[in-house]
C-alpha atoms as a PDB file:
ATOM      1  CA  MET A   1       0.000   0.000   0.000  1.00  0.00           C
ATOM      2  CA  SER A   2       1.382   3.353  -1.045  1.00  0.00           C
ATOM      3  CA  LYS A   3       1.830   6.309   1.316  1.00  0.00           C
ATOM      4  CA  LYS A   4      -1.028   8.101  -0.429  1.00  0.00           C
ATOM      5  CA  GLN A   5      -3.333   5.105   0.052  1.00  0.00           C
ATOM      6  CA  ILE A   6      -2.385   4.901   3.738  1.00  0.00           C
ATOM      7  CA  ILE A   7      -3.206   8.597   4.231  1.00  0.00           C
ATOM      8  CA  LEU A   8      -6.534   8.203   2.460  1.00  0.00           C
ATOM      9  CA  THR A   9      -7.352   5.134   4.550  1.00  0.00           C
ATOM     10  CA  VAL A  10      -6.534   6.994   7.776  1.00  0.00           C
ATOM     11  CA  ILE A  11      -8.653   9.971   6.717  1.00  0.00           C
ATOM     12  CA  ALA A  12     -11.557   7.691   5.799  1.00  0.00           C
ATOM     13  CA  SER A  13     -11.253   5.929   9.149  1.00  0.00           C
ATOM     14  CA  LEU A  14     -11.230   9.215  11.040  1.00  0.00           C
ATOM     15  CA  VAL A  15     -14.274  10.422   9.118  1.00  0.00           C
ATOM     16  CA  GLY A  16     -16.035   7.159   9.926  1.00  0.00           C
ATOM     17  CA  ILE A  17     -15.147   7.406  13.611  1.00  0.00           C
ATOM     18  CA  PHE A  18     -16.351  11.020  13.729  1.00  0.00           C
ATOM     19  CA  ALA A  19     -19.627  10.073  12.028  1.00  0.00           C
ATOM     20  CA  ILE A  20     -20.187   7.283  14.554  1.00  0.00           C
ATOM     21  CA  PHE A  21     -19.343   9.674  17.405  1.00  0.00           C
ATOM     22  CA  MET A  22     -21.895  12.206  16.138  1.00  0.00           C
ATOM     23  CA  LEU A  23     -24.559   9.503  15.771  1.00  0.00           C
ATOM     24  CA  VAL A  24     -23.959   8.302  19.306  1.00  0.00           C
ATOM     25  CA  LYS A  25     -23.938  11.883  20.610  1.00  0.00           C
ATOM     26  CA  THR A  26     -27.228  12.633  18.834  1.00  0.00           C
ATOM     27  CA  PHE A  27     -28.778   9.414  20.122  1.00  0.00           C
ATOM     28  CA  LEU A  28     -27.765  10.171  23.709  1.00  0.00           C
ATOM     29  CA  GLU A  29     -29.062  13.754  23.492  1.00  0.00           C
ATOM     30  CA  TYR A  30     -32.360  12.516  22.031  1.00  0.00           C
ATOM     31  CA  LYS A  31     -32.620  10.026  24.878  1.00  0.00           C
ATOM     32  CA  VAL A  32     -31.982  12.693  27.513  1.00  0.00           C
ATOM     33  CA  ALA A  33     -34.664  14.916  25.982  1.00  0.00           C
ATOM     34  CA  THR A  34     -37.127  12.031  25.581  1.00  0.00           C
ATOM     35  CA  ASP A  35     -36.597  10.881  29.170  1.00  0.00           C
ATOM     36  CA  GLU A  36     -37.035  14.432  30.440  1.00  0.00           C
ATOM     37  CA  TYR A  37     -40.346  14.873  28.652  1.00  0.00           C
ATOM     38  CA  ALA A  38     -41.469  11.468  29.891  1.00  0.00           C
ATOM     39  CA  ASP A  39     -40.844  12.713  33.438  1.00  0.00           C
ATOM     40  CA  LEU A  40     -42.859  15.865  32.705  1.00  0.00           C
ATOM     41  CA  ASP A  41     -45.899  13.733  31.846  1.00  0.00           C
ATOM     42  CA  GLN A  42     -46.551  13.537  35.582  1.00  0.00           C
ATOM     43  CA  PHE A  43     -47.811  17.126  35.368  1.00  0.00           C
ATOM     44  CA  VAL A  44     -50.535  16.209  32.850  1.00  0.00           C
ATOM     45  CA  THR A  45     -53.643  14.419  34.072  1.00  0.00           C
ATOM     46  CA  GLU A  46     -57.174  13.808  32.883  1.00  0.00           C
ATOM     47  CA  ALA A  47     -59.473  16.690  33.699  1.00  0.00           C
ATOM     48  CA  GLU A  48     -62.351  15.932  36.054  1.00  0.00           C
ATOM     49  CA  PRO A  49     -65.915  17.143  35.384  1.00  0.00           C
ATOM     50  CA  LEU A  50     -66.832  20.448  37.013  1.00  0.00           C
ATOM     51  CA  SER A  51     -69.425  20.660  39.738  1.00  0.00           C
ATOM     52  CA  GLU A  52     -72.283  23.153  39.540  1.00  0.00           C
ATOM     53  CA  GLU A  53     -70.431  25.332  42.060  1.00  0.00           C
ATOM     54  CA  ASP A  54     -67.327  25.353  39.866  1.00  0.00           C
ATOM     55  CA  GLU A  55     -69.385  26.201  36.803  1.00  0.00           C
ATOM     56  CA  ALA A  56     -70.849  29.174  38.647  1.00  0.00           C
ATOM     57  CA  ALA A  57     -67.406  30.232  39.847  1.00  0.00           C
ATOM     58  CA  MET A  58     -66.198  30.116  36.265  1.00  0.00           C
ATOM     59  CA  VAL A  59     -68.669  32.858  35.333  1.00  0.00           C
ATOM     60  CA  GLU A  60     -67.142  35.015  38.049  1.00  0.00           C
ATOM     61  CA  ALA A  61     -63.654  34.277  36.711  1.00  0.00           C
ATOM     62  CA  ILE A  62     -64.710  35.260  33.221  1.00  0.00           C
ATOM     63  CA  GLN A  63     -66.080  38.578  34.413  1.00  0.00           C
ATOM     64  CA  THR A  64     -62.769  39.274  36.146  1.00  0.00           C
ATOM     65  CA  TYR A  65     -60.572  38.505  33.137  1.00  0.00           C
ATOM     66  CA  THR A  66     -62.745  40.177  30.535  1.00  0.00           C
ATOM     67  CA  GLN A  67     -62.721  43.505  32.374  1.00  0.00           C
ATOM     68  CA  ASP A  68     -59.186  43.963  31.076  1.00  0.00           C
ATOM     69  CA  GLU A  69     -59.282  46.106  27.941  1.00  0.00           C
ATOM     70  CA  LYS A  70     -56.547  43.940  26.369  1.00  0.00           C
ATOM     71  CA  TYR A  71     -58.735  40.844  26.590  1.00  0.00           C
ATOM     72  CA  LYS A  72     -59.514  39.723  23.042  1.00  0.00           C
ATOM     73  CA  PHE A  73     -60.855  36.204  23.421  1.00  0.00           C
ATOM     74  CA  GLU A  74     -64.325  34.821  22.871  1.00  0.00           C
ATOM     75  CA  VAL A  75     -65.328  32.850  25.963  1.00  0.00           C
ATOM     76  CA  ASN A  76     -66.675  29.311  25.573  1.00  0.00           C
ATOM     77  CA  TYR A  77     -68.492  27.754  28.541  1.00  0.00           C
ATOM     78  CA  ARG A  78     -68.330  24.189  27.179  1.00  0.00           C
ATOM     79  CA  ARG A  79     -65.357  22.351  28.666  1.00  0.00           C
ATOM     80  CA  SER A  80     -66.105  19.420  26.333  1.00  0.00           C
ATOM     81  CA  ASP A  81     -64.977  21.522  23.346  1.00  0.00           C
ATOM     82  CA  PHE A  82     -61.399  21.391  24.629  1.00  0.00           C
ATOM     83  CA  PRO A  83     -58.900  18.558  25.228  1.00  0.00           C
ATOM     84  CA  ASN A  84     -59.601  16.614  28.400  1.00  0.00           C
ATOM     85  CA  LEU A  85     -56.272  17.536  29.978  1.00  0.00           C
ATOM     86  CA  ASN A  86     -55.335  19.200  33.228  1.00  0.00           C
ATOM     87  CA  ILE A  87     -51.894  20.827  33.435  1.00  0.00           C
ATOM     88  CA  ASP A  88     -50.140  21.212  36.796  1.00  0.00           C
ATOM     89  CA  PHE A  89     -48.445  24.551  36.208  1.00  0.00           C
ATOM     90  CA  ALA A  90     -47.293  24.808  39.813  1.00  0.00           C
ATOM     91  CA  GLY A  91     -45.358  21.583  39.372  1.00  0.00           C
ATOM     92  CA  LEU A  92     -43.925  22.690  36.025  1.00  0.00           C
ATOM     93  CA  LYS A  93     -42.826  26.044  37.407  1.00  0.00           C
ATOM     94  CA  ALA A  94     -41.020  24.221  40.201  1.00  0.00           C
ATOM     95  CA  VAL A  95     -38.978  22.559  37.448  1.00  0.00           C
ATOM     96  CA  ASN A  96     -38.545  25.810  35.511  1.00  0.00           C
ATOM     97  CA  PRO A  97     -40.160  29.129  36.510  1.00  0.00           C
ATOM     98  CA  GLU A  98     -39.956  30.232  32.855  1.00  0.00           C
ATOM     99  CA  VAL A  99     -42.772  27.858  31.844  1.00  0.00           C
ATOM    100  CA  VAL A 100     -45.573  30.030  30.422  1.00  0.00           C
ATOM    101  CA  ALA A 101     -47.876  27.567  28.641  1.00  0.00           C
ATOM    102  CA  TRP A 102     -48.519  24.070  27.337  1.00  0.00           C
ATOM    103  CA  VAL A 103     -49.124  23.493  23.605  1.00  0.00           C
ATOM    104  CA  TYR A 104     -51.332  20.660  22.371  1.00  0.00           C
ATOM    105  CA  VAL A 105     -51.979  19.657  18.735  1.00  0.00           C
ATOM    106  CA  GLY A 106     -53.795  16.340  18.847  1.00  0.00           C
ATOM    107  CA  PRO A 107     -53.665  14.988  15.253  1.00  0.00           C
ATOM    108  CA  VAL A 108     -49.860  15.185  15.099  1.00  0.00           C
ATOM    109  CA  GLY A 109     -49.168  14.156  18.693  1.00  0.00           C
ATOM    110  CA  ILE A 110     -47.767  17.451  20.002  1.00  0.00           C
ATOM    111  CA  SER A 111     -48.172  17.927  23.758  1.00  0.00           C
ATOM    112  CA  TYR A 112     -45.354  19.883  25.405  1.00  0.00           C
ATOM    113  CA  PRO A 113     -44.627  22.599  27.946  1.00  0.00           C
ATOM    114  CA  VAL A 114     -43.608  25.988  26.559  1.00  0.00           C
ATOM    115  CA  ALA A 115     -40.897  28.177  28.079  1.00  0.00           C
ATOM    116  CA  GLN A 116     -40.084  31.825  27.486  1.00  0.00           C
ATOM    117  CA  ARG A 117     -36.949  33.792  28.386  1.00  0.00           C
ATOM    118  CA  PRO A 118     -37.657  37.527  27.859  1.00  0.00           C
ATOM    119  CA  SER A 119     -33.971  38.394  28.292  1.00  0.00           C
ATOM    120  CA  ASP A 120     -32.980  36.086  25.420  1.00  0.00           C
ATOM    121  CA  THR A 121     -33.295  38.680  22.663  1.00  0.00           C
ATOM    122  CA  LYS A 122     -31.880  36.309  20.022  1.00  0.00           C
ATOM    123  CA  ASN A 123     -34.188  33.391  20.870  1.00  0.00           C
ATOM    124  CA  GLU A 124     -31.189  31.082  21.223  1.00  0.00           C
ATOM    125  CA  TYR A 125     -31.126  29.706  24.771  1.00  0.00           C
ATOM    126  CA  TYR A 126     -33.912  27.141  24.406  1.00  0.00           C
ATOM    127  CA  LEU A 127     -32.628  26.055  21.019  1.00  0.00           C
ATOM    128  CA  HIS A 128     -29.758  24.449  22.929  1.00  0.00           C
ATOM    129  CA  HIS A 129     -31.179  23.765  26.405  1.00  0.00           C
ATOM    130  CA  THR A 130     -33.911  21.484  27.662  1.00  0.00           C
ATOM    131  CA  LEU A 131     -36.690  22.683  29.927  1.00  0.00           C
ATOM    132  CA  GLU A 132     -34.603  21.616  32.909  1.00  0.00           C
ATOM    133  CA  GLY A 133     -31.724  23.805  31.700  1.00  0.00           C
ATOM    134  CA  LYS A 134     -29.501  20.974  30.455  1.00  0.00           C
ATOM    135  CA  GLU A 135     -27.328  21.850  27.467  1.00  0.00           C
ATOM    136  CA  ASN A 136     -28.724  19.710  24.668  1.00  0.00           C
ATOM    137  CA  SER A 137     -29.149  20.195  20.917  1.00  0.00           C
ATOM    138  CA  SER A 138     -32.752  18.963  21.220  1.00  0.00           C
ATOM    139  CA  GLY A 139     -33.689  22.144  23.076  1.00  0.00           C
ATOM    140  CA  CYS A 140     -37.345  22.552  24.038  1.00  0.00           C
ATOM    141  CA  ILE A 141     -40.484  24.284  22.803  1.00  0.00           C
ATOM    142  CA  PHE A 142     -40.297  28.006  23.515  1.00  0.00           C
ATOM    143  CA  MET A 143     -42.158  31.239  22.949  1.00  0.00           C
ATOM    144  CA  ASP A 144     -40.605  34.240  21.224  1.00  0.00           C
ATOM    145  CA  TYR A 145     -38.944  36.470  23.796  1.00  0.00           C
ATOM    146  CA  SER A 146     -40.800  39.586  22.610  1.00  0.00           C
ATOM    147  CA  VAL A 147     -44.435  38.485  22.775  1.00  0.00           C
ATOM    148  CA  ASP A 148     -46.886  38.693  25.650  1.00  0.00           C
ATOM    149  CA  PRO A 149     -47.085  35.264  27.373  1.00  0.00           C
ATOM    150  CA  GLN A 150     -50.767  36.029  28.052  1.00  0.00           C
ATOM    151  CA  LEU A 151     -51.297  35.621  24.288  1.00  0.00           C
ATOM    152  CA  THR A 152     -52.448  39.190  23.647  1.00  0.00           C
ATOM    153  CA  SER A 153     -49.835  39.921  20.956  1.00  0.00           C
ATOM    154  CA  TRP A 154     -51.047  40.015  17.377  1.00  0.00           C
ATOM    155  CA  ASN A 155     -48.818  37.074  16.489  1.00  0.00           C
ATOM    156  CA  THR A 156     -47.451  34.693  19.140  1.00  0.00           C
ATOM    157  CA  PHE A 157     -44.536  32.611  17.845  1.00  0.00           C
ATOM    158  CA  LEU A 158     -43.722  29.166  19.279  1.00  0.00           C
ATOM    159  CA  TYR A 159     -40.485  27.532  18.116  1.00  0.00           C
ATOM    160  CA  GLY A 160     -39.360  23.913  18.274  1.00  0.00           C
ATOM    161  CA  HIS A 161     -36.825  21.627  16.604  1.00  0.00           C
ATOM    162  CA  ASN A 162     -37.821  19.234  13.839  1.00  0.00           C
ATOM    163  CA  MET A 163     -36.559  16.067  15.542  1.00  0.00           C
ATOM    164  CA  LYS A 164     -35.807  13.065  13.365  1.00  0.00           C
ATOM    165  CA  ASN A 165     -37.712  10.789  15.738  1.00  0.00           C
ATOM    166  CA  GLY A 166     -40.834  12.919  15.245  1.00  0.00           C
ATOM    167  CA  SER A 167     -40.777  14.473  18.703  1.00  0.00           C
ATOM    168  CA  MET A 168     -40.958  18.200  19.493  1.00  0.00           C
ATOM    169  CA  PHE A 169     -42.244  19.904  16.309  1.00  0.00           C
ATOM    170  CA  GLY A 170     -40.959  17.099  14.095  1.00  0.00           C
ATOM    171  CA  SER A 171     -44.491  15.807  13.542  1.00  0.00           C
ATOM    172  CA  LEU A 172     -45.807  19.127  12.161  1.00  0.00           C
ATOM    173  CA  ARG A 173     -44.536  18.126   8.718  1.00  0.00           C
ATOM    174  CA  LYS A 174     -47.277  15.468   8.616  1.00  0.00           C
ATOM    175  CA  TYR A 175     -49.701  18.210   7.621  1.00  0.00           C
ATOM    176  CA  ILE A 176     -47.862  18.523   4.298  1.00  0.00           C
ATOM    177  CA  SER A 177     -48.156  14.851   3.372  1.00  0.00           C
ATOM    178  CA  ASN A 178     -51.537  14.157   4.960  1.00  0.00           C
ATOM    179  CA  HIS A 179     -54.089  16.945   4.721  1.00  0.00           C
ATOM    180  CA  LYS A 180     -56.696  14.688   6.325  1.00  0.00           C
ATOM    181  CA  LEU A 181     -55.019  15.335   9.657  1.00  0.00           C
ATOM    182  CA  TYR A 182     -56.139  18.927   9.365  1.00  0.00           C
ATOM    183  CA  ASP A 183     -59.642  17.920   8.343  1.00  0.00           C
ATOM    184  CA  LYS A 184     -59.859  15.580  11.337  1.00  0.00           C
ATOM    185  CA  ASP A 185     -58.983  18.200  13.949  1.00  0.00           C
ATOM    186  CA  PRO A 186     -57.828  21.649  12.717  1.00  0.00           C
ATOM    187  CA  TYR A 187     -57.052  23.147  16.121  1.00  0.00           C
ATOM    188  CA  ILE A 188     -54.048  24.237  18.171  1.00  0.00           C
ATOM    189  CA  TYR A 189     -54.641  24.486  21.924  1.00  0.00           C
ATOM    190  CA  ILE A 190     -52.612  26.626  24.282  1.00  0.00           C
ATOM    191  CA  PHE A 191     -53.058  25.848  27.980  1.00  0.00           C
ATOM    192  CA  ARG A 192     -52.278  28.544  30.512  1.00  0.00           C
ATOM    193  CA  GLU A 193     -52.843  28.830  34.230  1.00  0.00           C
ATOM    194  CA  GLU A 194     -56.077  30.771  33.767  1.00  0.00           C
ATOM    195  CA  GLY A 195     -57.567  28.694  30.954  1.00  0.00           C
ATOM    196  CA  ILE A 196     -57.344  26.999  27.567  1.00  0.00           C
ATOM    197  CA  TYR A 197     -57.090  28.939  24.294  1.00  0.00           C
ATOM    198  CA  ARG A 198     -58.205  27.424  20.998  1.00  0.00           C
ATOM    199  CA  TYR A 199     -56.848  28.440  17.592  1.00  0.00           C
ATOM    200  CA  LYS A 200     -58.017  27.126  14.233  1.00  0.00           C
ATOM    201  CA  ILE A 201     -55.288  26.521  11.666  1.00  0.00           C
ATOM    202  CA  TYR A 202     -55.748  28.753   8.636  1.00  0.00           C
ATOM    203  CA  SER A 203     -52.430  28.302   6.804  1.00  0.00           C
ATOM    204  CA  PHE A 204     -49.359  26.071   6.641  1.00  0.00           C
ATOM    205  CA  TYR A 205     -46.445  26.104   4.213  1.00  0.00           C
ATOM    206  CA  LEU A 206     -42.687  25.786   3.707  1.00  0.00           C
ATOM    207  CA  ASP A 207     -40.524  28.869   3.288  1.00  0.00           C
ATOM    208  CA  THR A 208     -36.850  29.826   3.272  1.00  0.00           C
ATOM    209  CA  PRO A 209     -34.802  30.415   6.471  1.00  0.00           C
ATOM    210  CA  GLU A 210     -34.856  34.112   5.554  1.00  0.00           C
ATOM    211  CA  SER A 211     -38.656  34.105   5.406  1.00  0.00           C
ATOM    212  CA  LYS A 212     -40.393  37.471   5.591  1.00  0.00           C
ATOM    213  CA  MET A 213     -42.993  35.790   7.829  1.00  0.00           C
ATOM    214  CA  TYR A 214     -40.653  35.991  10.826  1.00  0.00           C
ATOM    215  CA  TYR A 215     -42.008  39.100  12.449  1.00  0.00           C
ATOM    216  CA  VAL A 216     -44.241  40.054  15.350  1.00  0.00           C
ATOM    217  CA  CYS A 217     -46.792  42.561  14.093  1.00  0.00           C
ATOM    218  CA  LYS A 218     -46.750  45.945  15.808  1.00  0.00           C
ATOM    219  CA  THR A 219     -49.776  47.555  14.174  1.00  0.00           C
ATOM    220  CA  LEU A 220     -53.176  46.517  12.902  1.00  0.00           C
ATOM    221  CA  LYS A 221     -52.068  47.365   9.357  1.00  0.00           C
ATOM    222  CA  GLU A 222     -49.068  45.026   9.646  1.00  0.00           C
ATOM    223  CA  TYR A 223     -51.224  42.280  11.088  1.00  0.00           C
ATOM    224  CA  ARG A 224     -53.824  42.598   8.347  1.00  0.00           C
ATOM    225  CA  ALA A 225     -51.078  42.246   5.719  1.00  0.00           C
ATOM    226  CA  TYR A 226     -49.541  39.311   7.594  1.00  0.00           C
ATOM    227  CA  ILE A 227     -52.773  37.308   7.563  1.00  0.00           C
ATOM    228  CA  ARG A 228     -53.305  38.049   3.870  1.00  0.00           C
ATOM    229  CA  THR A 229     -49.792  36.851   2.983  1.00  0.00           C
ATOM    230  CA  ALA A 230     -50.086  33.735   5.139  1.00  0.00           C
ATOM    231  CA  LEU A 231     -53.318  32.773   3.377  1.00  0.00           C
ATOM    232  CA  GLU A 232     -51.702  33.284  -0.034  1.00  0.00           C
ATOM    233  CA  MET A 233     -48.732  31.082   0.891  1.00  0.00           C
ATOM    234  CA  SER A 234     -50.726  28.172   2.332  1.00  0.00           C
ATOM    235  CA  VAL A 235     -50.298  24.850   0.500  1.00  0.00           C
ATOM    236  CA  TYR A 236     -53.808  23.814   1.507  1.00  0.00           C
ATOM    237  CA  ASP A 237     -57.118  25.623   1.476  1.00  0.00           C
ATOM    238  CA  CYS A 238     -58.001  25.409   5.155  1.00  0.00           C
ATOM    239  CA  ASP A 239     -61.290  27.251   4.596  1.00  0.00           C
ATOM    240  CA  THR A 240     -60.876  28.967   7.976  1.00  0.00           C
ATOM    241  CA  LYS A 241     -62.496  32.316   8.584  1.00  0.00           C
ATOM    242  CA  THR A 242     -59.937  34.900   9.680  1.00  0.00           C
ATOM    243  CA  SER A 243     -60.357  38.333  11.178  1.00  0.00           C
ATOM    244  CA  GLU A 244     -57.986  41.112  12.104  1.00  0.00           C
ATOM    245  CA  GLU A 245     -59.859  41.288  15.416  1.00  0.00           C
ATOM    246  CA  GLN A 246     -58.567  37.848  16.389  1.00  0.00           C
ATOM    247  CA  ASN A 247     -54.914  37.196  17.094  1.00  0.00           C
ATOM    248  CA  THR A 248     -52.674  34.449  15.715  1.00  0.00           C
ATOM    249  CA  VAL A 249     -50.439  31.751  17.108  1.00  0.00           C
ATOM    250  CA  THR A 250     -47.650  30.572  14.799  1.00  0.00           C
ATOM    251  CA  LEU A 251     -45.722  27.313  15.186  1.00  0.00           C
ATOM    252  CA  VAL A 252     -42.343  27.256  13.425  1.00  0.00           C
ATOM    253  CA  THR A 253     -39.792  24.503  12.854  1.00  0.00           C
ATOM    254  CA  CYS A 254     -37.075  23.653  10.346  1.00  0.00           C
ATOM    255  CA  SER A 255     -37.540  21.153   7.525  1.00  0.00           C
ATOM    256  CA  GLY A 256     -34.915  19.338   5.478  1.00  0.00           C
ATOM    257  CA  ALA A 257     -31.149  19.595   5.824  1.00  0.00           C
ATOM    258  CA  GLY A 258     -28.130  21.302   4.316  1.00  0.00           C
ATOM    259  CA  ALA A 259     -28.645  23.729   1.464  1.00  0.00           C
ATOM    260  CA  GLY A 260     -32.232  22.554   1.073  1.00  0.00           C
ATOM    261  CA  LYS A 261     -33.241  23.357   4.638  1.00  0.00           C
ATOM    262  CA  LYS A 262     -36.468  25.337   4.920  1.00  0.00           C
ATOM    263  CA  ARG A 263     -38.843  26.543   7.609  1.00  0.00           C
ATOM    264  CA  PHE A 264     -42.313  25.140   8.162  1.00  0.00           C
ATOM    265  CA  PHE A 265     -44.966  27.579   9.369  1.00  0.00           C
ATOM    266  CA  VAL A 266     -48.352  26.684  10.851  1.00  0.00           C
ATOM    267  CA  HIS A 267     -50.696  29.599  11.617  1.00  0.00           C
ATOM    268  CA  GLY A 268     -53.817  29.417  13.773  1.00  0.00           C
ATOM    269  CA  ILE A 269     -56.420  32.133  14.371  1.00  0.00           C
ATOM    270  CA  SER A 270     -57.995  32.634  17.786  1.00  0.00           C
ATOM    271  CA  VAL A 271     -61.435  31.015  18.089  1.00  0.00           C
ATOM    272  CA  ASP A 272     -62.321  30.987  21.776  1.00  0.00           C
ATOM    273  CA  CYS A 273     -61.122  30.110  25.250  1.00  0.00           C
ATOM    274  CA  TYR A 274     -62.294  28.281  28.314  1.00  0.00           C
ATOM    275  CA  LEU A 275     -61.436  29.913  31.630  1.00  0.00           C
ATOM    276  CA  TYR A 276     -60.906  27.933  34.814  1.00  0.00           C
ATOM    277  CA  PRO A 277     -62.928  28.756  37.919  1.00  0.00           C
ATOM    278  CA  PRO A 278     -60.889  30.571  40.599  1.00  0.00           C
ATOM    279  CA  LYS A 279     -59.254  28.399  43.213  1.00  0.00           C
ATOM    280  CA  ARG A 280     -61.058  28.357  46.530  1.00  0.00           C
END
């Protein structure tokens, strides 16, 4: 074997070893993230039916919340219109006080806590850290640093990695290949301590990493234009009624790899919310 062949063999071996190392590293990080989320399942239980007293108390809670001039949500009294889940936010905040919500998208199996770090002006921390603060390329689902965690912003962005095992926001891509998932259940649900917020998907599509759809609207004019553009870009006619009086939640993840990597956007318009009765 010539010297050149030996060098090429060594290089090939090193490349192979590095590739194996990266696969093992990725597998271990996926496992850490998967195990962590499995542990967080303890904070999600089946919701119990409300008593007549609780139903009455809910009316009082609604009157309290809707007195705020910023309140934009249509109130729905029917608990059965929302996922039968109860989220223990006190327990989640003991794990991480930056937990602000829980996102649930039934047809594609998304059910995760959502964190927000207002000081992270580049939205980078939770791209590389789990909810428990462990450095990990899997990251966790997080809300844009600049939006109101009470969901009053015109456009609330939630970000998550497109994991190869389908976890996190990896399953969102199913909407592209199977439109029946949308037809089956077209809603995104955001759980917060005071209630559950329902959004109906009105657009989803792939775009470039430099997409012009990455912005939080500051004015009604901007928001009106944003909705119009999102509808034009959708790869499926969702036939969802939109209104500039209702705000949007946008789920974003990456799609593909290398030079062909894109961003997948899913937009939902606010429909209604169910408010919890005050604790006694």
